[in-house]
């Protein structure tokens, strides 16, 4: 872990970012107290291809009915004693 003052971080920010991207813990301090840690963001998820979504749609188990009225279903279950 490396700790750097705000003044040092300001002048060396590109170098500190590179070090953080390589896995080093980089901390920036103010008045001798750590206040910020530089760390890389997690990788963005890859987009899902349309063909994969189509396959999932075709192979879905227990498709929900678009016309199902939840309130009516609850009433039916209540009235049937289920």
PDB file of N, CA and C in Angstrom:
ATOM      1  N   UNK A   1       0.855  -1.171   0.000  1.00  0.00           N
ATOM      2  CA  UNK A   1       0.000   0.000   0.000  1.00  0.00           C
ATOM      3  C   UNK A   1       0.897   1.228   0.000  1.00  0.00           C
ATOM      4  N   UNK A   2       0.530   2.199  -0.784  1.00  0.00           N
ATOM      5  CA  UNK A   2       1.266   3.455  -0.790  1.00  0.00           C
ATOM      6  C   UNK A   2       0.302   4.574  -0.417  1.00  0.00           C
ATOM      7  N   UNK A   3       0.799   5.516   0.377  1.00  0.00           N
ATOM      8  CA  UNK A   3      -0.004   6.645   0.817  1.00  0.00           C
ATOM      9  C   UNK A   3       0.628   7.919   0.274  1.00  0.00           C
ATOM     10  N   UNK A   4      -0.225   8.811  -0.246  1.00  0.00           N
ATOM     11  CA  UNK A   4       0.255  10.028  -0.889  1.00  0.00           C
ATOM     12  C   UNK A   4      -0.589  11.206  -0.424  1.00  0.00           C
ATOM     13  N   UNK A   5       0.061  12.359  -0.268  1.00  0.00           N
ATOM     14  CA  UNK A   5      -0.672  13.569   0.095  1.00  0.00           C
ATOM     15  C   UNK A   5      -1.491  14.036  -1.106  1.00  0.00           C
ATOM     16  N   UNK A   6      -2.435  14.911  -0.838  1.00  0.00           N
ATOM     17  CA  UNK A   6      -3.251  15.449  -1.917  1.00  0.00           C
ATOM     18  C   UNK A   6      -2.378  16.189  -2.929  1.00  0.00           C
ATOM     19  N   UNK A   7      -1.412  16.940  -2.450  1.00  0.00           N
ATOM     20  CA  UNK A   7      -0.526  17.683  -3.354  1.00  0.00           C
ATOM     21  C   UNK A   7       0.243  16.726  -4.260  1.00  0.00           C
ATOM     22  N   UNK A   8       0.771  15.651  -3.682  1.00  0.00           N
ATOM     23  CA  UNK A   8       1.501  14.657  -4.479  1.00  0.00           C
ATOM     24  C   UNK A   8       0.571  13.959  -5.457  1.00  0.00           C
ATOM     25  N   UNK A   9      -0.627  13.613  -4.986  1.00  0.00           N
ATOM     26  CA  UNK A   9      -1.593  12.931  -5.858  1.00  0.00           C
ATOM     27  C   UNK A   9      -1.993  13.823  -7.030  1.00  0.00           C
ATOM     28  N   UNK A  10      -2.117  15.120  -6.773  1.00  0.00           N
ATOM     29  CA  UNK A  10      -2.482  16.050  -7.838  1.00  0.00           C
ATOM     30  C   UNK A  10      -1.424  16.066  -8.939  1.00  0.00           C
ATOM     31  N   UNK A  11      -0.180  16.070  -8.539  1.00  0.00           N
ATOM     32  CA  UNK A  11       0.882  16.142  -9.545  1.00  0.00           C
ATOM     33  C   UNK A  11       1.207  14.791 -10.171  1.00  0.00           C
ATOM     34  N   UNK A  12       0.854  13.712  -9.499  1.00  0.00           N
ATOM     35  CA  UNK A  12       1.215  12.369  -9.973  1.00  0.00           C
ATOM     36  C   UNK A  12      -0.002  11.493 -10.282  1.00  0.00           C
ATOM     37  N   UNK A  13      -1.164  12.087 -10.488  1.00  0.00           N
ATOM     38  CA  UNK A  13      -2.394  11.306 -10.638  1.00  0.00           C
ATOM     39  C   UNK A  13      -2.322  10.238 -11.729  1.00  0.00           C
ATOM     40  N   UNK A  14      -1.860  10.525 -12.941  1.00  0.00           N
ATOM     41  CA  UNK A  14      -1.805   9.472 -13.954  1.00  0.00           C
ATOM     42  C   UNK A  14      -0.949   8.264 -13.516  1.00  0.00           C
ATOM     43  N   UNK A  15       0.184   8.536 -12.866  1.00  0.00           N
ATOM     44  CA  UNK A  15       1.051   7.448 -12.399  1.00  0.00           C
ATOM     45  C   UNK A  15       0.364   6.644 -11.280  1.00  0.00           C
ATOM     46  N   UNK A  16      -0.317   7.342 -10.374  1.00  0.00           N
ATOM     47  CA  UNK A  16      -1.008   6.649  -9.284  1.00  0.00           C
ATOM     48  C   UNK A  16      -2.171   5.805  -9.814  1.00  0.00           C
ATOM     49  N   UNK A  17      -2.871   6.316 -10.813  1.00  0.00           N
ATOM     50  CA  UNK A  17      -3.959   5.541 -11.420  1.00  0.00           C
ATOM     51  C   UNK A  17      -3.396   4.274 -12.059  1.00  0.00           C
ATOM     52  N   UNK A  18      -2.287   4.390 -12.772  1.00  0.00           N
ATOM     53  CA  UNK A  18      -1.670   3.207 -13.380  1.00  0.00           C
ATOM     54  C   UNK A  18      -1.293   2.182 -12.318  1.00  0.00           C
ATOM     55  N   UNK A  19      -0.753   2.651 -11.200  1.00  0.00           N
ATOM     56  CA  UNK A  19      -0.375   1.725 -10.130  1.00  0.00           C
ATOM     57  C   UNK A  19      -1.610   1.035  -9.543  1.00  0.00           C
ATOM     58  N   UNK A  20      -2.700   1.789  -9.360  1.00  0.00           N
ATOM     59  CA  UNK A  20      -3.936   1.196  -8.847  1.00  0.00           C
ATOM     60  C   UNK A  20      -4.495   0.172  -9.831  1.00  0.00           C
ATOM     61  N   UNK A  21      -4.417   0.466 -11.124  1.00  0.00           N
ATOM     62  CA  UNK A  21      -4.912  -0.478 -12.128  1.00  0.00           C
ATOM     63  C   UNK A  21      -4.108  -1.770 -12.144  1.00  0.00           C
ATOM     64  N   UNK A  22      -2.857  -1.697 -11.714  1.00  0.00           N
ATOM     65  CA  UNK A  22      -2.022  -2.898 -11.649  1.00  0.00           C
ATOM     66  C   UNK A  22      -2.241  -3.675 -10.361  1.00  0.00           C
ATOM     67  N   UNK A  23      -3.132  -3.172  -9.474  1.00  0.00           N
ATOM     68  CA  UNK A  23      -3.476  -3.920  -8.270  1.00  0.00           C
ATOM     69  C   UNK A  23      -2.908  -3.350  -6.981  1.00  0.00           C
ATOM     70  N   UNK A  24      -2.113  -2.310  -7.064  1.00  0.00           N
ATOM     71  CA  UNK A  24      -1.542  -1.727  -5.852  1.00  0.00           C
ATOM     72  C   UNK A  24      -2.604  -0.895  -5.126  1.00  0.00           C
ATOM     73  N   UNK A  25      -2.605  -0.963  -3.816  1.00  0.00           N
ATOM     74  CA  UNK A  25      -3.506  -0.138  -3.028  1.00  0.00           C
ATOM     75  C   UNK A  25      -2.903   1.253  -2.925  1.00  0.00           C
ATOM     76  N   UNK A  26      -3.609   2.249  -3.424  1.00  0.00           N
ATOM     77  CA  UNK A  26      -3.123   3.625  -3.418  1.00  0.00           C
ATOM     78  C   UNK A  26      -4.085   4.454  -2.573  1.00  0.00           C
ATOM     79  N   UNK A  27      -3.554   5.068  -1.511  1.00  0.00           N
ATOM     80  CA  UNK A  27      -4.363   5.857  -0.596  1.00  0.00           C
ATOM     81  C   UNK A  27      -3.898   7.307  -0.656  1.00  0.00           C
ATOM     82  N   UNK A  28      -4.857   8.219  -0.652  1.00  0.00           N
ATOM     83  CA  UNK A  28      -4.555   9.647  -0.634  1.00  0.00           C
ATOM     84  C   UNK A  28      -4.954  10.175   0.738  1.00  0.00           C
ATOM     85  N   UNK A  29      -4.052  10.952   1.319  1.00  0.00           N
ATOM     86  CA  UNK A  29      -4.299  11.449   2.677  1.00  0.00           C
ATOM     87  C   UNK A  29      -4.394  12.966   2.702  1.00  0.00           C
ATOM     88  N   UNK A  30      -5.119  13.456   3.695  1.00  0.00           N
ATOM     89  CA  UNK A  30      -5.232  14.901   3.947  1.00  0.00           C
ATOM     90  C   UNK A  30      -4.861  15.114   5.412  1.00  0.00           C
ATOM     91  N   UNK A  31      -3.923  15.977   5.645  1.00  0.00           N
ATOM     92  CA  UNK A  31      -3.448  16.251   7.004  1.00  0.00           C
ATOM     93  C   UNK A  31      -3.009  14.966   7.707  1.00  0.00           C
ATOM     94  N   UNK A  32      -2.398  14.060   6.957  1.00  0.00           N
ATOM     95  CA  UNK A  32      -1.876  12.825   7.526  1.00  0.00           C
ATOM     96  C   UNK A  32      -2.907  11.733   7.744  1.00  0.00           C
ATOM     97  N   UNK A  33      -4.173  11.994   7.423  1.00  0.00           N
ATOM     98  CA  UNK A  33      -5.223  10.981   7.599  1.00  0.00           C
ATOM     99  C   UNK A  33      -5.673  10.461   6.240  1.00  0.00           C
ATOM    100  N   UNK A  34      -5.792   9.140   6.083  1.00  0.00           N
ATOM    101  CA  UNK A  34      -6.274   8.593   4.810  1.00  0.00           C
ATOM    102  C   UNK A  34      -7.711   9.042   4.554  1.00  0.00           C
ATOM    103  N   UNK A  35      -7.978   9.525   3.350  1.00  0.00           N
ATOM    104  CA  UNK A  35      -9.332   9.976   3.018  1.00  0.00           C
ATOM    105  C   UNK A  35      -9.894   9.339   1.744  1.00  0.00           C
ATOM    106  N   UNK A  36      -9.014   8.899   0.845  1.00  0.00           N
ATOM    107  CA  UNK A  36      -9.484   8.339  -0.431  1.00  0.00           C
ATOM    108  C   UNK A  36      -8.586   7.174  -0.820  1.00  0.00           C
ATOM    109  N   UNK A  37      -9.213   6.147  -1.387  1.00  0.00           N
ATOM    110  CA  UNK A  37      -8.443   5.025  -1.933  1.00  0.00           C
ATOM    111  C   UNK A  37      -8.724   4.932  -3.428  1.00  0.00           C
ATOM    112  N   UNK A  38      -7.672   4.823  -4.218  1.00  0.00           N
ATOM    113  CA  UNK A  38      -7.837   4.615  -5.658  1.00  0.00           C
ATOM    114  C   UNK A  38      -7.882   3.127  -5.920  1.00  0.00           C
ATOM    115  N   UNK A  39      -8.877   2.704  -6.658  1.00  0.00           N
ATOM    116  CA  UNK A  39      -8.956   1.295  -7.050  1.00  0.00           C
ATOM    117  C   UNK A  39      -9.736   1.204  -8.355  1.00  0.00           C
ATOM    118  N   UNK A  40      -9.424   0.196  -9.151  1.00  0.00           N
ATOM    119  CA  UNK A  40     -10.115   0.086 -10.444  1.00  0.00           C
ATOM    120  C   UNK A  40     -11.576  -0.327 -10.269  1.00  0.00           C
ATOM    121  N   UNK A  41     -12.385   0.105 -11.208  1.00  0.00           N
ATOM    122  CA  UNK A  41     -13.786  -0.330 -11.238  1.00  0.00           C
ATOM    123  C   UNK A  41     -13.851  -1.750 -11.776  1.00  0.00           C
ATOM    124  N   UNK A  42     -14.869  -2.509 -11.361  1.00  0.00           N
ATOM    125  CA  UNK A  42     -15.015  -3.854 -11.939  1.00  0.00           C
ATOM    126  C   UNK A  42     -15.298  -3.758 -13.439  1.00  0.00           C
ATOM    127  N   UNK A  43     -14.902  -4.778 -14.153  1.00  0.00           N
ATOM    128  CA  UNK A  43     -15.116  -4.799 -15.605  1.00  0.00           C
ATOM    129  C   UNK A  43     -16.614  -4.761 -15.907  1.00  0.00           C
ATOM    130  N   UNK A  44     -16.961  -4.028 -16.936  1.00  0.00           N
ATOM    131  CA  UNK A  44     -18.365  -3.949 -17.353  1.00  0.00           C
ATOM    132  C   UNK A  44     -18.794  -5.303 -17.902  1.00  0.00           C
ATOM    133  N   UNK A  45     -20.023  -5.716 -17.611  1.00  0.00           N
ATOM    134  CA  UNK A  45     -20.486  -6.998 -18.152  1.00  0.00           C
ATOM    135  C   UNK A  45     -20.575  -6.940 -19.671  1.00  0.00           C
ATOM    136  N   UNK A  46     -20.325  -8.083 -20.288  1.00  0.00           N
ATOM    137  CA  UNK A  46     -20.419  -8.158 -21.744  1.00  0.00           C
ATOM    138  C   UNK A  46     -21.890  -8.142 -22.147  1.00  0.00           C
ATOM    139  N   UNK A  47     -22.214  -7.481 -23.248  1.00  0.00           N
ATOM    140  CA  UNK A  47     -23.609  -7.491 -23.693  1.00  0.00           C
ATOM    141  C   UNK A  47     -24.040  -8.900 -24.099  1.00  0.00           C
ATOM    142  N   UNK A  48     -25.296  -9.200 -23.854  1.00  0.00           N
ATOM    143  CA  UNK A  48     -25.840 -10.511 -24.202  1.00  0.00           C
ATOM    144  C   UNK A  48     -26.347 -10.442 -25.636  1.00  0.00           C
ATOM    145  N   UNK A  49     -25.858 -11.343 -26.495  1.00  0.00           N
ATOM    146  CA  UNK A  49     -26.305 -11.318 -27.896  1.00  0.00           C
ATOM    147  C   UNK A  49     -27.797 -11.608 -28.017  1.00  0.00           C
ATOM    148  N   UNK A  50     -28.413 -11.019 -29.025  1.00  0.00           N
ATOM    149  CA  UNK A  50     -29.844 -11.222 -29.256  1.00  0.00           C
ATOM    150  C   UNK A  50     -30.200 -12.684 -29.454  1.00  0.00           C
ATOM    151  N   UNK A  51     -29.310 -13.460 -30.093  1.00  0.00           N
ATOM    152  CA  UNK A  51     -29.598 -14.884 -30.316  1.00  0.00           C
ATOM    153  C   UNK A  51     -29.707 -15.623 -28.985  1.00  0.00           C
ATOM    154  N   UNK A  52     -28.888 -15.242 -28.016  1.00  0.00           N
ATOM    155  CA  UNK A  52     -28.946 -15.888 -26.703  1.00  0.00           C
ATOM    156  C   UNK A  52     -30.262 -15.554 -26.005  1.00  0.00           C
ATOM    157  N   UNK A  53     -30.711 -14.306 -26.145  1.00  0.00           N
ATOM    158  CA  UNK A  53     -31.991 -13.929 -25.549  1.00  0.00           C
ATOM    159  C   UNK A  53     -33.148 -14.657 -26.221  1.00  0.00           C
ATOM    160  N   UNK A  54     -33.070 -14.810 -27.540  1.00  0.00           N
ATOM    161  CA  UNK A  54     -34.114 -15.551 -28.251  1.00  0.00           C
ATOM    162  C   UNK A  54     -34.153 -17.004 -27.786  1.00  0.00           C
ATOM    163  N   UNK A  55     -32.965 -17.620 -27.606  1.00  0.00           N
ATOM    164  CA  UNK A  55     -32.903 -19.018 -27.156  1.00  0.00           C
ATOM    165  C   UNK A  55     -33.515 -19.136 -25.766  1.00  0.00           C
ATOM    166  N   UNK A  56     -33.173 -18.203 -24.871  1.00  0.00           N
ATOM    167  CA  UNK A  56     -33.735 -18.238 -23.523  1.00  0.00           C
ATOM    168  C   UNK A  56     -35.251 -18.097 -23.557  1.00  0.00           C
ATOM    169  N   UNK A  57     -35.756 -17.224 -24.416  1.00  0.00           N
ATOM    170  CA  UNK A  57     -37.197 -17.026 -24.514  1.00  0.00           C
ATOM    171  C   UNK A  57     -37.892 -18.301 -24.994  1.00  0.00           C
ATOM    172  N   UNK A  58     -37.280 -18.983 -25.965  1.00  0.00           N
ATOM    173  CA  UNK A  58     -37.869 -20.212 -26.499  1.00  0.00           C
ATOM    174  C   UNK A  58     -37.840 -21.355 -25.489  1.00  0.00           C
ATOM    175  N   UNK A  59     -36.853 -21.378 -24.610  1.00  0.00           N
ATOM    176  CA  UNK A  59     -36.682 -22.496 -23.681  1.00  0.00           C
ATOM    177  C   UNK A  59     -37.094 -22.162 -22.254  1.00  0.00           C
ATOM    178  N   UNK A  60     -37.814 -21.077 -22.080  1.00  0.00           N
ATOM    179  CA  UNK A  60     -38.267 -20.672 -20.747  1.00  0.00           C
ATOM    180  C   UNK A  60     -39.272 -21.678 -20.213  1.00  0.00           C
ATOM    181  N   UNK A  61     -39.123 -22.021 -18.958  1.00  0.00           N
ATOM    182  CA  UNK A  61     -40.046 -22.947 -18.303  1.00  0.00           C
ATOM    183  C   UNK A  61     -41.055 -22.123 -17.522  1.00  0.00           C
ATOM    184  N   UNK A  62     -42.322 -22.478 -17.634  1.00  0.00           N
ATOM    185  CA  UNK A  62     -43.362 -21.803 -16.869  1.00  0.00           C
ATOM    186  C   UNK A  62     -43.537 -20.355 -17.260  1.00  0.00           C
ATOM    187  N   UNK A  63     -43.772 -20.123 -18.539  1.00  0.00           N
ATOM    188  CA  UNK A  63     -43.970 -18.742 -19.001  1.00  0.00           C
ATOM    189  C   UNK A  63     -45.163 -18.119 -18.273  1.00  0.00           C
ATOM    190  N   UNK A  64     -44.990 -16.912 -17.828  1.00  0.00           N
ATOM    191  CA  UNK A  64     -46.083 -16.186 -17.180  1.00  0.00           C
ATOM    192  C   UNK A  64     -47.065 -15.713 -18.242  1.00  0.00           C
ATOM    193  N   UNK A  65     -48.323 -15.769 -17.913  1.00  0.00           N
ATOM    194  CA  UNK A  65     -49.342 -15.309 -18.846  1.00  0.00           C
ATOM    195  C   UNK A  65     -49.468 -13.800 -18.723  1.00  0.00           C
ATOM    196  N   UNK A  66     -49.354 -13.110 -19.830  1.00  0.00           N
ATOM    197  CA  UNK A  66     -49.416 -11.654 -19.824  1.00  0.00           C
ATOM    198  C   UNK A  66     -50.791 -11.161 -19.401  1.00  0.00           C
ATOM    199  N   UNK A  67     -51.825 -11.963 -19.632  1.00  0.00           N
ATOM    200  CA  UNK A  67     -53.180 -11.526 -19.321  1.00  0.00           C
ATOM    201  C   UNK A  67     -53.586 -11.868 -17.890  1.00  0.00           C
ATOM    202  N   UNK A  68     -52.701 -12.457 -17.109  1.00  0.00           N
ATOM    203  CA  UNK A  68     -53.032 -12.847 -15.744  1.00  0.00           C
ATOM    204  C   UNK A  68     -53.211 -11.612 -14.878  1.00  0.00           C
ATOM    205  N   UNK A  69     -54.352 -11.515 -14.224  1.00  0.00           N
ATOM    206  CA  UNK A  69     -54.645 -10.423 -13.306  1.00  0.00           C
ATOM    207  C   UNK A  69     -54.347 -10.932 -11.906  1.00  0.00           C
ATOM    208  N   UNK A  70     -53.323 -10.387 -11.258  1.00  0.00           N
ATOM    209  CA  UNK A  70     -52.882 -10.882  -9.953  1.00  0.00           C
ATOM    210  C   UNK A  70     -53.987 -10.769  -8.910  1.00  0.00           C
ATOM    211  N   UNK A  71     -54.704  -9.659  -8.905  1.00  0.00           N
ATOM    212  CA  UNK A  71     -55.767  -9.474  -7.913  1.00  0.00           C
ATOM    213  C   UNK A  71     -56.861 -10.521  -8.102  1.00  0.00           C
ATOM    214  N   UNK A  72     -57.240 -10.781  -9.342  1.00  0.00           N
ATOM    215  CA  UNK A  72     -58.279 -11.784  -9.601  1.00  0.00           C
ATOM    216  C   UNK A  72     -57.794 -13.168  -9.183  1.00  0.00           C
ATOM    217  N   UNK A  73     -56.536 -13.459  -9.410  1.00  0.00           N
ATOM    218  CA  UNK A  73     -55.981 -14.765  -9.022  1.00  0.00           C
ATOM    219  C   UNK A  73     -55.989 -14.928  -7.508  1.00  0.00           C
ATOM    220  N   UNK A  74     -55.640 -13.866  -6.772  1.00  0.00           N
ATOM    221  CA  UNK A  74     -55.661 -13.926  -5.310  1.00  0.00           C
ATOM    222  C   UNK A  74     -57.095 -14.140  -4.821  1.00  0.00           C
ATOM    223  N   UNK A  75     -58.047 -13.438  -5.406  1.00  0.00           N
ATOM    224  CA  UNK A  75     -59.452 -13.627  -5.023  1.00  0.00           C
ATOM    225  C   UNK A  75     -59.904 -15.063  -5.299  1.00  0.00           C
ATOM    226  N   UNK A  76     -59.513 -15.594  -6.461  1.00  0.00           N
ATOM    227  CA  UNK A  76     -59.897 -16.958  -6.808  1.00  0.00           C
ATOM    228  C   UNK A  76     -59.326 -17.940  -5.793  1.00  0.00           C
ATOM    229  N   UNK A  77     -58.073 -17.779  -5.439  1.00  0.00           N
ATOM    230  CA  UNK A  77     -57.452 -18.673  -4.464  1.00  0.00           C
ATOM    231  C   UNK A  77     -58.114 -18.536  -3.104  1.00  0.00           C
ATOM    232  N   UNK A  78     -58.454 -17.316  -2.718  1.00  0.00           N
ATOM    233  CA  UNK A  78     -59.115 -17.075  -1.426  1.00  0.00           C
ATOM    234  C   UNK A  78     -60.501 -17.713  -1.409  1.00  0.00           C
ATOM    235  N   UNK A  79     -61.246 -17.514  -2.487  1.00  0.00           N
ATOM    236  CA  UNK A  79     -62.623 -18.009  -2.539  1.00  0.00           C
ATOM    237  C   UNK A  79     -62.666 -19.529  -2.669  1.00  0.00           C
ATOM    238  N   UNK A  80     -61.659 -20.137  -3.297  1.00  0.00           N
ATOM    239  CA  UNK A  80     -61.613 -21.583  -3.446  1.00  0.00           C
ATOM    240  C   UNK A  80     -61.133 -22.271  -2.175  1.00  0.00           C
ATOM    241  N   UNK A  81     -60.668 -21.481  -1.194  1.00  0.00           N
ATOM    242  CA  UNK A  81     -60.207 -22.066   0.059  1.00  0.00           C
ATOM    243  C   UNK A  81     -58.816 -22.659  -0.029  1.00  0.00           C
ATOM    244  N   UNK A  82     -58.061 -22.277  -1.029  1.00  0.00           N
ATOM    245  CA  UNK A  82     -56.709 -22.814  -1.180  1.00  0.00           C
ATOM    246  C   UNK A  82     -55.738 -22.154  -0.242  1.00  0.00           C
TER     247      UNK A  82
END
